[in-house]
């Protein structure tokens, strides 16, 4: 179970981080800004219910969006795909996902900075 949660957490936090980094790098492009804000709205809306000045720092928005997308990834992708997977194979998959997510965030951010 812990490897499934770990994979879902990586997917959610990685996706939210990638969206935020690309939005910061290419935010002057109207289409990128609209799509980025649209993808970050679940976390922004959730935080505005709790805090009035939620968007002063990017970290709470990133954390809440990461948790929301992690829950969606766990229920919709990770659990159905890995339901019958043995523990050792799941452990190797979790290690592979670590490298893939870190690499994707790095390449996406680098490409966004190069385009900016």
PDB file of N, CA and C in Angstrom:
ATOM      1  N   UNK A   1       0.821  -1.199   0.000  1.00  0.00           N
ATOM      2  CA  UNK A   1       0.000   0.000   0.000  1.00  0.00           C
ATOM      3  C   UNK A   1       0.863   1.260   0.000  1.00  0.00           C
ATOM      4  N   UNK A   2       1.981   1.222   0.751  1.00  0.00           N
ATOM      5  CA  UNK A   2       2.795   2.430   0.849  1.00  0.00           C
ATOM      6  C   UNK A   2       3.421   2.790  -0.490  1.00  0.00           C
ATOM      7  N   UNK A   3       3.749   1.811  -1.325  1.00  0.00           N
ATOM      8  CA  UNK A   3       4.318   2.128  -2.632  1.00  0.00           C
ATOM      9  C   UNK A   3       3.270   2.727  -3.560  1.00  0.00           C
ATOM     10  N   UNK A   4       2.043   2.269  -3.442  1.00  0.00           N
ATOM     11  CA  UNK A   4       0.965   2.841  -4.246  1.00  0.00           C
ATOM     12  C   UNK A   4       0.728   4.309  -3.858  1.00  0.00           C
ATOM     13  N   UNK A   5       0.722   4.579  -2.568  1.00  0.00           N
ATOM     14  CA  UNK A   5       0.547   5.962  -2.105  1.00  0.00           C
ATOM     15  C   UNK A   5       1.727   6.813  -2.547  1.00  0.00           C
ATOM     16  N   UNK A   6       2.925   6.264  -2.459  1.00  0.00           N
ATOM     17  CA  UNK A   6       4.122   6.985  -2.880  1.00  0.00           C
ATOM     18  C   UNK A   6       4.060   7.342  -4.362  1.00  0.00           C
ATOM     19  N   UNK A   7       3.663   6.394  -5.208  1.00  0.00           N
ATOM     20  CA  UNK A   7       3.564   6.654  -6.648  1.00  0.00           C
ATOM     21  C   UNK A   7       2.507   7.718  -6.919  1.00  0.00           C
ATOM     22  N   UNK A   8       1.354   7.618  -6.272  1.00  0.00           N
ATOM     23  CA  UNK A   8       0.297   8.620  -6.475  1.00  0.00           C
ATOM     24  C   UNK A   8       0.748   9.991  -5.987  1.00  0.00           C
ATOM     25  N   UNK A   9       1.446  10.038  -4.864  1.00  0.00           N
ATOM     26  CA  UNK A   9       1.957  11.308  -4.352  1.00  0.00           C
ATOM     27  C   UNK A   9       2.960  11.915  -5.323  1.00  0.00           C
ATOM     28  N   UNK A  10       3.849  11.093  -5.872  1.00  0.00           N
ATOM     29  CA  UNK A  10       4.797  11.592  -6.861  1.00  0.00           C
ATOM     30  C   UNK A  10       4.095  12.151  -8.083  1.00  0.00           C
ATOM     31  N   UNK A  11       3.099  11.445  -8.572  1.00  0.00           N
ATOM     32  CA  UNK A  11       2.370  11.919  -9.746  1.00  0.00           C
ATOM     33  C   UNK A  11       1.666  13.241  -9.469  1.00  0.00           C
ATOM     34  N   UNK A  12       0.995  13.342  -8.339  1.00  0.00           N
ATOM     35  CA  UNK A  12       0.253  14.561  -8.015  1.00  0.00           C
ATOM     36  C   UNK A  12       1.141  15.757  -7.779  1.00  0.00           C
ATOM     37  N   UNK A  13       2.156  15.601  -6.937  1.00  0.00           N
ATOM     38  CA  UNK A  13       3.072  16.695  -6.648  1.00  0.00           C
ATOM     39  C   UNK A  13       3.890  17.049  -7.883  1.00  0.00           C
ATOM     40  N   UNK A  14       4.317  16.057  -8.628  1.00  0.00           N
ATOM     41  CA  UNK A  14       5.084  16.318  -9.853  1.00  0.00           C
ATOM     42  C   UNK A  14       4.279  17.095 -10.872  1.00  0.00           C
ATOM     43  N   UNK A  15       3.008  16.719 -11.059  1.00  0.00           N
ATOM     44  CA  UNK A  15       2.160  17.420 -12.015  1.00  0.00           C
ATOM     45  C   UNK A  15       1.912  18.860 -11.573  1.00  0.00           C
ATOM     46  N   UNK A  16       1.584  19.055 -10.314  1.00  0.00           N
ATOM     47  CA  UNK A  16       1.331  20.408  -9.812  1.00  0.00           C
ATOM     48  C   UNK A  16       2.592  21.271  -9.885  1.00  0.00           C
ATOM     49  N   UNK A  17       3.745  20.694  -9.580  1.00  0.00           N
ATOM     50  CA  UNK A  17       5.011  21.427  -9.659  1.00  0.00           C
ATOM     51  C   UNK A  17       5.324  21.811 -11.092  1.00  0.00           C
ATOM     52  N   UNK A  18       5.134  20.891 -12.004  1.00  0.00           N
ATOM     53  CA  UNK A  18       5.396  21.175 -13.409  1.00  0.00           C
ATOM     54  C   UNK A  18       4.490  22.286 -13.923  1.00  0.00           C
ATOM     55  N   UNK A  19       3.216  22.235 -13.579  1.00  0.00           N
ATOM     56  CA  UNK A  19       2.286  23.288 -14.001  1.00  0.00           C
ATOM     57  C   UNK A  19       2.708  24.636 -13.427  1.00  0.00           C
ATOM     58  N   UNK A  20       3.058  24.676 -12.159  1.00  0.00           N
ATOM     59  CA  UNK A  20       3.463  25.933 -11.529  1.00  0.00           C
ATOM     60  C   UNK A  20       4.751  26.483 -12.137  1.00  0.00           C
ATOM     61  N   UNK A  21       5.738  25.625 -12.376  1.00  0.00           N
ATOM     62  CA  UNK A  21       6.993  26.089 -12.954  1.00  0.00           C
ATOM     63  C   UNK A  21       6.810  26.595 -14.379  1.00  0.00           C
ATOM     64  N   UNK A  22       6.018  25.899 -15.172  1.00  0.00           N
ATOM     65  CA  UNK A  22       5.763  26.360 -16.540  1.00  0.00           C
ATOM     66  C   UNK A  22       4.966  27.651 -16.521  1.00  0.00           C
ATOM     67  N   UNK A  23       4.011  27.759 -15.610  1.00  0.00           N
ATOM     68  CA  UNK A  23       3.236  28.994 -15.494  1.00  0.00           C
ATOM     69  C   UNK A  23       4.137  30.162 -15.115  1.00  0.00           C
ATOM     70  N   UNK A  24       5.078  29.942 -14.213  1.00  0.00           N
ATOM     71  CA  UNK A  24       5.986  31.007 -13.817  1.00  0.00           C
ATOM     72  C   UNK A  24       6.910  31.407 -14.967  1.00  0.00           C
ATOM     73  N   UNK A  25       7.367  30.428 -15.765  1.00  0.00           N
ATOM     74  CA  UNK A  25       8.298  30.717 -16.847  1.00  0.00           C
ATOM     75  C   UNK A  25       7.600  31.317 -18.064  1.00  0.00           C
ATOM     76  N   UNK A  26       6.418  30.829 -18.379  1.00  0.00           N
ATOM     77  CA  UNK A  26       5.725  31.256 -19.596  1.00  0.00           C
ATOM     78  C   UNK A  26       4.417  31.973 -19.299  1.00  0.00           C
ATOM     79  N   UNK A  27       4.301  32.580 -18.129  1.00  0.00           N
ATOM     80  CA  UNK A  27       3.057  33.231 -17.728  1.00  0.00           C
ATOM     81  C   UNK A  27       2.677  34.419 -18.580  1.00  0.00           C
ATOM     82  N   UNK A  28       3.626  34.982 -19.329  1.00  0.00           N
ATOM     83  CA  UNK A  28       3.297  36.123 -20.187  1.00  0.00           C
ATOM     84  C   UNK A  28       2.482  35.698 -21.405  1.00  0.00           C
ATOM     85  N   UNK A  29       2.527  34.416 -21.775  1.00  0.00           N
ATOM     86  CA  UNK A  29       1.702  33.894 -22.858  1.00  0.00           C
ATOM     87  C   UNK A  29       0.289  33.687 -22.315  1.00  0.00           C
ATOM     88  N   UNK A  30      -0.683  34.319 -22.919  1.00  0.00           N
ATOM     89  CA  UNK A  30      -2.052  34.298 -22.396  1.00  0.00           C
ATOM     90  C   UNK A  30      -2.631  32.889 -22.338  1.00  0.00           C
ATOM     91  N   UNK A  31      -2.411  32.087 -23.368  1.00  0.00           N
ATOM     92  CA  UNK A  31      -2.960  30.729 -23.382  1.00  0.00           C
ATOM     93  C   UNK A  31      -2.341  29.875 -22.278  1.00  0.00           C
ATOM     94  N   UNK A  32      -1.027  29.959 -22.111  1.00  0.00           N
ATOM     95  CA  UNK A  32      -0.353  29.198 -21.056  1.00  0.00           C
ATOM     96  C   UNK A  32      -0.851  29.647 -19.689  1.00  0.00           C
ATOM     97  N   UNK A  33      -1.010  30.955 -19.519  1.00  0.00           N
ATOM     98  CA  UNK A  33      -1.486  31.475 -18.235  1.00  0.00           C
ATOM     99  C   UNK A  33      -2.899  30.989 -17.928  1.00  0.00           C
ATOM    100  N   UNK A  34      -3.774  30.984 -18.919  1.00  0.00           N
ATOM    101  CA  UNK A  34      -5.155  30.544 -18.694  1.00  0.00           C
ATOM    102  C   UNK A  34      -5.219  29.056 -18.361  1.00  0.00           C
ATOM    103  N   UNK A  35      -4.461  28.245 -19.089  1.00  0.00           N
ATOM    104  CA  UNK A  35      -4.456  26.802 -18.817  1.00  0.00           C
ATOM    105  C   UNK A  35      -3.831  26.524 -17.451  1.00  0.00           C
ATOM    106  N   UNK A  36      -2.722  27.199 -17.138  1.00  0.00           N
ATOM    107  CA  UNK A  36      -2.053  26.999 -15.846  1.00  0.00           C
ATOM    108  C   UNK A  36      -2.937  27.371 -14.672  1.00  0.00           C
ATOM    109  N   UNK A  37      -3.586  28.523 -14.752  1.00  0.00           N
ATOM    110  CA  UNK A  37      -4.481  28.938 -13.664  1.00  0.00           C
ATOM    111  C   UNK A  37      -5.665  27.983 -13.573  1.00  0.00           C
ATOM    112  N   UNK A  38      -6.165  27.533 -14.720  1.00  0.00           N
ATOM    113  CA  UNK A  38      -7.267  26.565 -14.705  1.00  0.00           C
ATOM    114  C   UNK A  38      -6.888  25.269 -14.006  1.00  0.00           C
ATOM    115  N   UNK A  39      -5.654  24.803 -14.230  1.00  0.00           N
ATOM    116  CA  UNK A  39      -5.205  23.573 -13.583  1.00  0.00           C
ATOM    117  C   UNK A  39      -4.898  23.769 -12.102  1.00  0.00           C
ATOM    118  N   UNK A  40      -4.586  24.990 -11.698  1.00  0.00           N
ATOM    119  CA  UNK A  40      -4.286  25.262 -10.292  1.00  0.00           C
ATOM    120  C   UNK A  40      -5.506  25.736  -9.501  1.00  0.00           C
ATOM    121  N   UNK A  41      -6.637  25.941 -10.164  1.00  0.00           N
ATOM    122  CA  UNK A  41      -7.833  26.447  -9.480  1.00  0.00           C
ATOM    123  C   UNK A  41      -8.390  25.542  -8.382  1.00  0.00           C
ATOM    124  N   UNK A  42      -8.330  24.211  -8.506  1.00  0.00           N
ATOM    125  CA  UNK A  42      -8.857  23.411  -7.384  1.00  0.00           C
ATOM    126  C   UNK A  42      -8.162  23.729  -6.059  1.00  0.00           C
ATOM    127  N   UNK A  43      -6.864  23.889  -6.083  1.00  0.00           N
ATOM    128  CA  UNK A  43      -6.134  24.214  -4.864  1.00  0.00           C
ATOM    129  C   UNK A  43      -6.362  25.638  -4.408  1.00  0.00           C
ATOM    130  N   UNK A  44      -6.437  26.560  -5.371  1.00  0.00           N
ATOM    131  CA  UNK A  44      -6.672  27.962  -5.020  1.00  0.00           C
ATOM    132  C   UNK A  44      -8.049  28.114  -4.389  1.00  0.00           C
ATOM    133  N   UNK A  45      -9.048  27.472  -4.982  1.00  0.00           N
ATOM    134  CA  UNK A  45     -10.399  27.538  -4.427  1.00  0.00           C
ATOM    135  C   UNK A  45     -10.493  26.897  -3.055  1.00  0.00           C
ATOM    136  N   UNK A  46      -9.809  25.772  -2.868  1.00  0.00           N
ATOM    137  CA  UNK A  46      -9.825  25.109  -1.563  1.00  0.00           C
ATOM    138  C   UNK A  46      -9.155  25.961  -0.495  1.00  0.00           C
ATOM    139  N   UNK A  47      -8.074  26.619  -0.860  1.00  0.00           N
ATOM    140  CA  UNK A  47      -7.377  27.459   0.114  1.00  0.00           C
ATOM    141  C   UNK A  47      -8.146  28.728   0.440  1.00  0.00           C
ATOM    142  N   UNK A  48      -8.881  29.270  -0.525  1.00  0.00           N
ATOM    143  CA  UNK A  48      -9.642  30.493  -0.264  1.00  0.00           C
ATOM    144  C   UNK A  48     -10.777  30.256   0.725  1.00  0.00           C
ATOM    145  N   UNK A  49     -11.235  29.022   0.826  1.00  0.00           N
ATOM    146  CA  UNK A  49     -12.252  28.699   1.820  1.00  0.00           C
ATOM    147  C   UNK A  49     -11.660  28.824   3.223  1.00  0.00           C
ATOM    148  N   UNK A  50     -10.379  28.464   3.369  1.00  0.00           N
ATOM    149  CA  UNK A  50      -9.729  28.465   4.677  1.00  0.00           C
ATOM    150  C   UNK A  50      -9.063  29.804   4.982  1.00  0.00           C
ATOM    151  N   UNK A  51      -8.290  30.321   4.009  1.00  0.00           N
ATOM    152  CA  UNK A  51      -7.523  31.554   4.213  1.00  0.00           C
ATOM    153  C   UNK A  51      -7.995  32.618   3.231  1.00  0.00           C
ATOM    154  N   UNK A  52      -8.026  33.859   3.672  1.00  0.00           N
ATOM    155  CA  UNK A  52      -8.443  34.940   2.777  1.00  0.00           C
ATOM    156  C   UNK A  52      -7.315  35.368   1.853  1.00  0.00           C
ATOM    157  N   UNK A  53      -6.090  35.313   2.319  1.00  0.00           N
ATOM    158  CA  UNK A  53      -4.951  35.699   1.497  1.00  0.00           C
ATOM    159  C   UNK A  53      -4.124  34.465   1.138  1.00  0.00           C
ATOM    160  N   UNK A  54      -4.740  33.551   0.411  1.00  0.00           N
ATOM    161  CA  UNK A  54      -4.136  32.239   0.166  1.00  0.00           C
ATOM    162  C   UNK A  54      -2.987  32.291  -0.829  1.00  0.00           C
ATOM    163  N   UNK A  55      -2.992  33.231  -1.716  1.00  0.00           N
ATOM    164  CA  UNK A  55      -2.052  33.188  -2.835  1.00  0.00           C
ATOM    165  C   UNK A  55      -0.843  34.092  -2.641  1.00  0.00           C
ATOM    166  N   UNK A  56      -0.572  34.524  -1.419  1.00  0.00           N
ATOM    167  CA  UNK A  56       0.628  35.316  -1.178  1.00  0.00           C
ATOM    168  C   UNK A  56       1.875  34.468  -1.384  1.00  0.00           C
ATOM    169  N   UNK A  57       1.830  33.227  -1.026  1.00  0.00           N
ATOM    170  CA  UNK A  57       2.936  32.295  -1.216  1.00  0.00           C
ATOM    171  C   UNK A  57       2.492  31.195  -2.173  1.00  0.00           C
ATOM    172  N   UNK A  58       3.412  30.711  -2.968  1.00  0.00           N
ATOM    173  CA  UNK A  58       3.081  29.654  -3.929  1.00  0.00           C
ATOM    174  C   UNK A  58       3.082  28.269  -3.293  1.00  0.00           C
ATOM    175  N   UNK A  59       3.743  28.110  -2.175  1.00  0.00           N
ATOM    176  CA  UNK A  59       3.885  26.793  -1.559  1.00  0.00           C
ATOM    177  C   UNK A  59       2.558  26.179  -1.115  1.00  0.00           C
ATOM    178  N   UNK A  60       1.656  26.925  -0.428  1.00  0.00           N
ATOM    179  CA  UNK A  60       0.372  26.293  -0.073  1.00  0.00           C
ATOM    180  C   UNK A  60      -0.457  25.896  -1.292  1.00  0.00           C
ATOM    181  N   UNK A  61      -0.432  26.706  -2.328  1.00  0.00           N
ATOM    182  CA  UNK A  61      -1.172  26.377  -3.556  1.00  0.00           C
ATOM    183  C   UNK A  61      -0.592  25.109  -4.173  1.00  0.00           C
ATOM    184  N   UNK A  62       0.725  25.012  -4.206  1.00  0.00           N
ATOM    185  CA  UNK A  62       1.380  23.827  -4.748  1.00  0.00           C
ATOM    186  C   UNK A  62       1.051  22.589  -3.919  1.00  0.00           C
ATOM    187  N   UNK A  63       1.092  22.718  -2.602  1.00  0.00           N
ATOM    188  CA  UNK A  63       0.824  21.575  -1.723  1.00  0.00           C
ATOM    189  C   UNK A  63      -0.611  21.077  -1.849  1.00  0.00           C
ATOM    190  N   UNK A  64      -1.567  21.990  -1.836  1.00  0.00           N
ATOM    191  CA  UNK A  64      -2.975  21.570  -1.924  1.00  0.00           C
ATOM    192  C   UNK A  64      -3.276  20.968  -3.286  1.00  0.00           C
ATOM    193  N   UNK A  65      -2.774  21.582  -4.373  1.00  0.00           N
ATOM    194  CA  UNK A  65      -2.979  20.994  -5.693  1.00  0.00           C
ATOM    195  C   UNK A  65      -2.306  19.643  -5.808  1.00  0.00           C
ATOM    196  N   UNK A  66      -1.120  19.506  -5.233  1.00  0.00           N
ATOM    197  CA  UNK A  66      -0.451  18.213  -5.253  1.00  0.00           C
ATOM    198  C   UNK A  66      -1.252  17.139  -4.546  1.00  0.00           C
ATOM    199  N   UNK A  67      -1.840  17.479  -3.416  1.00  0.00           N
ATOM    200  CA  UNK A  67      -2.662  16.505  -2.683  1.00  0.00           C
ATOM    201  C   UNK A  67      -3.942  16.161  -3.442  1.00  0.00           C
ATOM    202  N   UNK A  68      -4.557  17.156  -4.063  1.00  0.00           N
ATOM    203  CA  UNK A  68      -5.774  16.889  -4.841  1.00  0.00           C
ATOM    204  C   UNK A  68      -5.461  15.980  -6.022  1.00  0.00           C
ATOM    205  N   UNK A  69      -4.402  16.316  -6.780  1.00  0.00           N
ATOM    206  CA  UNK A  69      -4.039  15.493  -7.931  1.00  0.00           C
ATOM    207  C   UNK A  69      -3.503  14.126  -7.509  1.00  0.00           C
ATOM    208  N   UNK A  70      -2.890  14.036  -6.321  1.00  0.00           N
ATOM    209  CA  UNK A  70      -2.447  12.736  -5.818  1.00  0.00           C
ATOM    210  C   UNK A  70      -3.636  11.827  -5.528  1.00  0.00           C
ATOM    211  N   UNK A  71      -4.672  12.374  -4.930  1.00  0.00           N
ATOM    212  CA  UNK A  71      -5.870  11.581  -4.649  1.00  0.00           C
ATOM    213  C   UNK A  71      -6.528  11.104  -5.939  1.00  0.00           C
ATOM    214  N   UNK A  72      -6.596  11.984  -6.921  1.00  0.00           N
ATOM    215  CA  UNK A  72      -7.177  11.604  -8.215  1.00  0.00           C
ATOM    216  C   UNK A  72      -6.322  10.529  -8.885  1.00  0.00           C
ATOM    217  N   UNK A  73      -4.999  10.694  -8.844  1.00  0.00           N
ATOM    218  CA  UNK A  73      -4.106   9.704  -9.452  1.00  0.00           C
ATOM    219  C   UNK A  73      -4.202   8.366  -8.732  1.00  0.00           C
ATOM    220  N   UNK A  74      -4.332   8.385  -7.415  1.00  0.00           N
ATOM    221  CA  UNK A  74      -4.422   7.140  -6.656  1.00  0.00           C
ATOM    222  C   UNK A  74      -5.695   6.381  -7.015  1.00  0.00           C
ATOM    223  N   UNK A  75      -6.814   7.066  -7.010  1.00  0.00           N
ATOM    224  CA  UNK A  75      -8.091   6.394  -7.252  1.00  0.00           C
ATOM    225  C   UNK A  75      -8.299   6.034  -8.718  1.00  0.00           C
ATOM    226  N   UNK A  76      -7.844   6.902  -9.618  1.00  0.00           N
ATOM    227  CA  UNK A  76      -8.137   6.681 -11.031  1.00  0.00           C
ATOM    228  C   UNK A  76      -7.078   5.948 -11.813  1.00  0.00           C
ATOM    229  N   UNK A  77      -5.832   5.967 -11.320  1.00  0.00           N
ATOM    230  CA  UNK A  77      -4.759   5.387 -12.118  1.00  0.00           C
ATOM    231  C   UNK A  77      -3.940   4.344 -11.355  1.00  0.00           C
ATOM    232  N   UNK A  78      -3.400   4.719 -10.220  1.00  0.00           N
ATOM    233  CA  UNK A  78      -2.450   3.846  -9.525  1.00  0.00           C
ATOM    234  C   UNK A  78      -3.126   2.596  -8.978  1.00  0.00           C
ATOM    235  N   UNK A  79      -4.220   2.757  -8.279  1.00  0.00           N
ATOM    236  CA  UNK A  79      -4.875   1.592  -7.669  1.00  0.00           C
ATOM    237  C   UNK A  79      -5.364   0.593  -8.714  1.00  0.00           C
ATOM    238  N   UNK A  80      -6.076   1.018  -9.761  1.00  0.00           N
ATOM    239  CA  UNK A  80      -6.528   0.026 -10.748  1.00  0.00           C
ATOM    240  C   UNK A  80      -5.380  -0.671 -11.492  1.00  0.00           C
ATOM    241  N   UNK A  81      -4.301   0.066 -11.786  1.00  0.00           N
ATOM    242  CA  UNK A  81      -3.202  -0.523 -12.553  1.00  0.00           C
ATOM    243  C   UNK A  81      -2.359  -1.475 -11.703  1.00  0.00           C
ATOM    244  N   UNK A  82      -2.171  -1.141 -10.433  1.00  0.00           N
ATOM    245  CA  UNK A  82      -1.262  -1.936  -9.595  1.00  0.00           C
ATOM    246  C   UNK A  82      -1.990  -2.849  -8.618  1.00  0.00           C
ATOM    247  N   UNK A  83      -3.246  -3.101  -8.815  1.00  0.00           N
ATOM    248  CA  UNK A  83      -4.028  -3.877  -7.848  1.00  0.00           C
ATOM    249  C   UNK A  83      -3.487  -5.298  -7.647  1.00  0.00           C
ATOM    250  N   UNK A  84      -3.039  -5.937  -8.699  1.00  0.00           N
ATOM    251  CA  UNK A  84      -2.577  -7.325  -8.593  1.00  0.00           C
ATOM    252  C   UNK A  84      -1.059  -7.455  -8.745  1.00  0.00           C
ATOM    253  N   UNK A  85      -0.353  -6.357  -8.621  1.00  0.00           N
ATOM    254  CA  UNK A  85       1.098  -6.372  -8.805  1.00  0.00           C
ATOM    255  C   UNK A  85       1.796  -6.850  -7.535  1.00  0.00           C
ATOM    256  N   UNK A  86       2.791  -7.742  -7.670  1.00  0.00           N
ATOM    257  CA  UNK A  86       3.532  -8.195  -6.488  1.00  0.00           C
ATOM    258  C   UNK A  86       4.351  -7.055  -5.862  1.00  0.00           C
ATOM    259  N   UNK A  87       4.666  -7.224  -4.605  1.00  0.00           N
ATOM    260  CA  UNK A  87       5.338  -6.164  -3.831  1.00  0.00           C
ATOM    261  C   UNK A  87       6.690  -5.771  -4.424  1.00  0.00           C
ATOM    262  N   UNK A  88       7.503  -6.719  -4.819  1.00  0.00           N
ATOM    263  CA  UNK A  88       8.835  -6.401  -5.361  1.00  0.00           C
ATOM    264  C   UNK A  88       8.737  -5.625  -6.675  1.00  0.00           C
ATOM    265  N   UNK A  89       7.816  -6.014  -7.515  1.00  0.00           N
ATOM    266  CA  UNK A  89       7.630  -5.290  -8.783  1.00  0.00           C
ATOM    267  C   UNK A  89       7.096  -3.887  -8.517  1.00  0.00           C
ATOM    268  N   UNK A  90       6.241  -3.751  -7.549  1.00  0.00           N
ATOM    269  CA  UNK A  90       5.705  -2.447  -7.174  1.00  0.00           C
ATOM    270  C   UNK A  90       6.808  -1.547  -6.614  1.00  0.00           C
ATOM    271  N   UNK A  91       7.731  -2.138  -5.857  1.00  0.00           N
ATOM    272  CA  UNK A  91       8.856  -1.382  -5.322  1.00  0.00           C
ATOM    273  C   UNK A  91       9.748  -0.864  -6.451  1.00  0.00           C
ATOM    274  N   UNK A  92      10.036  -1.709  -7.438  1.00  0.00           N
ATOM    275  CA  UNK A  92      10.842  -1.277  -8.593  1.00  0.00           C
ATOM    276  C   UNK A  92      10.121  -0.195  -9.385  1.00  0.00           C
ATOM    277  N   UNK A  93       8.809  -0.326  -9.520  1.00  0.00           N
ATOM    278  CA  UNK A  93       8.023   0.681 -10.223  1.00  0.00           C
ATOM    279  C   UNK A  93       8.051   2.016  -9.499  1.00  0.00           C
ATOM    280  N   UNK A  94       8.015   1.994  -8.181  1.00  0.00           N
ATOM    281  CA  UNK A  94       8.089   3.233  -7.402  1.00  0.00           C
ATOM    282  C   UNK A  94       9.427   3.926  -7.602  1.00  0.00           C
ATOM    283  N   UNK A  95      10.510   3.164  -7.639  1.00  0.00           N
ATOM    284  CA  UNK A  95      11.830   3.757  -7.888  1.00  0.00           C
ATOM    285  C   UNK A  95      11.899   4.337  -9.296  1.00  0.00           C
ATOM    286  N   UNK A  96      11.362   3.619 -10.261  1.00  0.00           N
ATOM    287  CA  UNK A  96      11.345   4.114 -11.636  1.00  0.00           C
ATOM    288  C   UNK A  96      10.535   5.399 -11.745  1.00  0.00           C
ATOM    289  N   UNK A  97       9.383   5.452 -11.077  1.00  0.00           N
ATOM    290  CA  UNK A  97       8.544   6.647 -11.105  1.00  0.00           C
ATOM    291  C   UNK A  97       9.255   7.848 -10.500  1.00  0.00           C
ATOM    292  N   UNK A  98      10.083   7.620  -9.503  1.00  0.00           N
ATOM    293  CA  UNK A  98      10.847   8.725  -8.913  1.00  0.00           C
ATOM    294  C   UNK A  98      11.720   9.374  -9.974  1.00  0.00           C
ATOM    295  N   UNK A  99      12.455   8.567 -10.710  1.00  0.00           N
ATOM    296  CA  UNK A  99      13.332   9.105 -11.755  1.00  0.00           C
ATOM    297  C   UNK A  99      12.540   9.751 -12.884  1.00  0.00           C
ATOM    298  N   UNK A 100      11.438   9.138 -13.281  1.00  0.00           N
ATOM    299  CA  UNK A 100      10.634   9.674 -14.380  1.00  0.00           C
ATOM    300  C   UNK A 100      10.025  11.022 -14.010  1.00  0.00           C
ATOM    301  N   UNK A 101       9.462  11.130 -12.819  1.00  0.00           N
ATOM    302  CA  UNK A 101       8.815  12.382 -12.407  1.00  0.00           C
ATOM    303  C   UNK A 101       9.837  13.497 -12.227  1.00  0.00           C
ATOM    304  N   UNK A 102      10.947  13.203 -11.574  1.00  0.00           N
ATOM    305  CA  UNK A 102      11.983  14.224 -11.395  1.00  0.00           C
ATOM    306  C   UNK A 102      12.538  14.645 -12.750  1.00  0.00           C
ATOM    307  N   UNK A 103      12.757  13.702 -13.631  1.00  0.00           N
ATOM    308  CA  UNK A 103      13.240  14.024 -14.979  1.00  0.00           C
ATOM    309  C   UNK A 103      12.242  14.841 -15.784  1.00  0.00           C
ATOM    310  N   UNK A 104      10.965  14.484 -15.699  1.00  0.00           N
ATOM    311  CA  UNK A 104       9.939  15.219 -16.439  1.00  0.00           C
ATOM    312  C   UNK A 104       9.796  16.652 -15.939  1.00  0.00           C
ATOM    313  N   UNK A 105       9.847  16.838 -14.636  1.00  0.00           N
ATOM    314  CA  UNK A 105       9.768  18.190 -14.081  1.00  0.00           C
ATOM    315  C   UNK A 105      10.995  18.994 -14.502  1.00  0.00           C
ATOM    316  N   UNK A 106      12.163  18.393 -14.447  1.00  0.00           N
ATOM    317  CA  UNK A 106      13.386  19.087 -14.845  1.00  0.00           C
ATOM    318  C   UNK A 106      13.400  19.458 -16.325  1.00  0.00           C
ATOM    319  N   UNK A 107      13.034  18.522 -17.169  1.00  0.00           N
ATOM    320  CA  UNK A 107      13.003  18.792 -18.608  1.00  0.00           C
ATOM    321  C   UNK A 107      11.922  19.796 -18.962  1.00  0.00           C
ATOM    322  N   UNK A 108      10.753  19.670 -18.350  1.00  0.00           N
ATOM    323  CA  UNK A 108       9.667  20.623 -18.614  1.00  0.00           C
ATOM    324  C   UNK A 108      10.012  22.027 -18.186  1.00  0.00           C
ATOM    325  N   UNK A 109      10.621  22.146 -17.027  1.00  0.00           N
ATOM    326  CA  UNK A 109      11.003  23.467 -16.541  1.00  0.00           C
ATOM    327  C   UNK A 109      12.128  24.052 -17.396  1.00  0.00           C
ATOM    328  N   UNK A 110      13.102  23.222 -17.763  1.00  0.00           N
ATOM    329  CA  UNK A 110      14.186  23.683 -18.622  1.00  0.00           C
ATOM    330  C   UNK A 110      13.683  24.125 -19.979  1.00  0.00           C
ATOM    331  N   UNK A 111      12.742  23.357 -20.547  1.00  0.00           N
ATOM    332  CA  UNK A 111      12.179  23.742 -21.834  1.00  0.00           C
ATOM    333  C   UNK A 111      11.382  25.039 -21.741  1.00  0.00           C
ATOM    334  N   UNK A 112      10.636  25.205 -20.652  1.00  0.00           N
ATOM    335  CA  UNK A 112       9.879  26.443 -20.464  1.00  0.00           C
ATOM    336  C   UNK A 112      10.807  27.633 -20.304  1.00  0.00           C
ATOM    337  N   UNK A 113      11.895  27.458 -19.570  1.00  0.00           N
ATOM    338  CA  UNK A 113      12.869  28.551 -19.422  1.00  0.00           C
ATOM    339  C   UNK A 113      13.544  28.870 -20.753  1.00  0.00           C
ATOM    340  N   UNK A 114      13.833  27.847 -21.559  1.00  0.00           N
ATOM    341  CA  UNK A 114      14.447  28.081 -22.858  1.00  0.00           C
ATOM    342  C   UNK A 114      13.481  28.811 -23.796  1.00  0.00           C
ATOM    343  N   UNK A 115      12.201  28.466 -23.715  1.00  0.00           N
ATOM    344  CA  UNK A 115      11.197  29.147 -24.556  1.00  0.00           C
ATOM    345  C   UNK A 115      10.955  30.588 -24.108  1.00  0.00           C
ATOM    346  N   UNK A 116      11.113  30.825 -22.816  1.00  0.00           N
ATOM    347  CA  UNK A 116      10.892  32.182 -22.298  1.00  0.00           C
ATOM    348  C   UNK A 116      12.029  33.080 -22.751  1.00  0.00           C
TER     349      UNK A 116
END
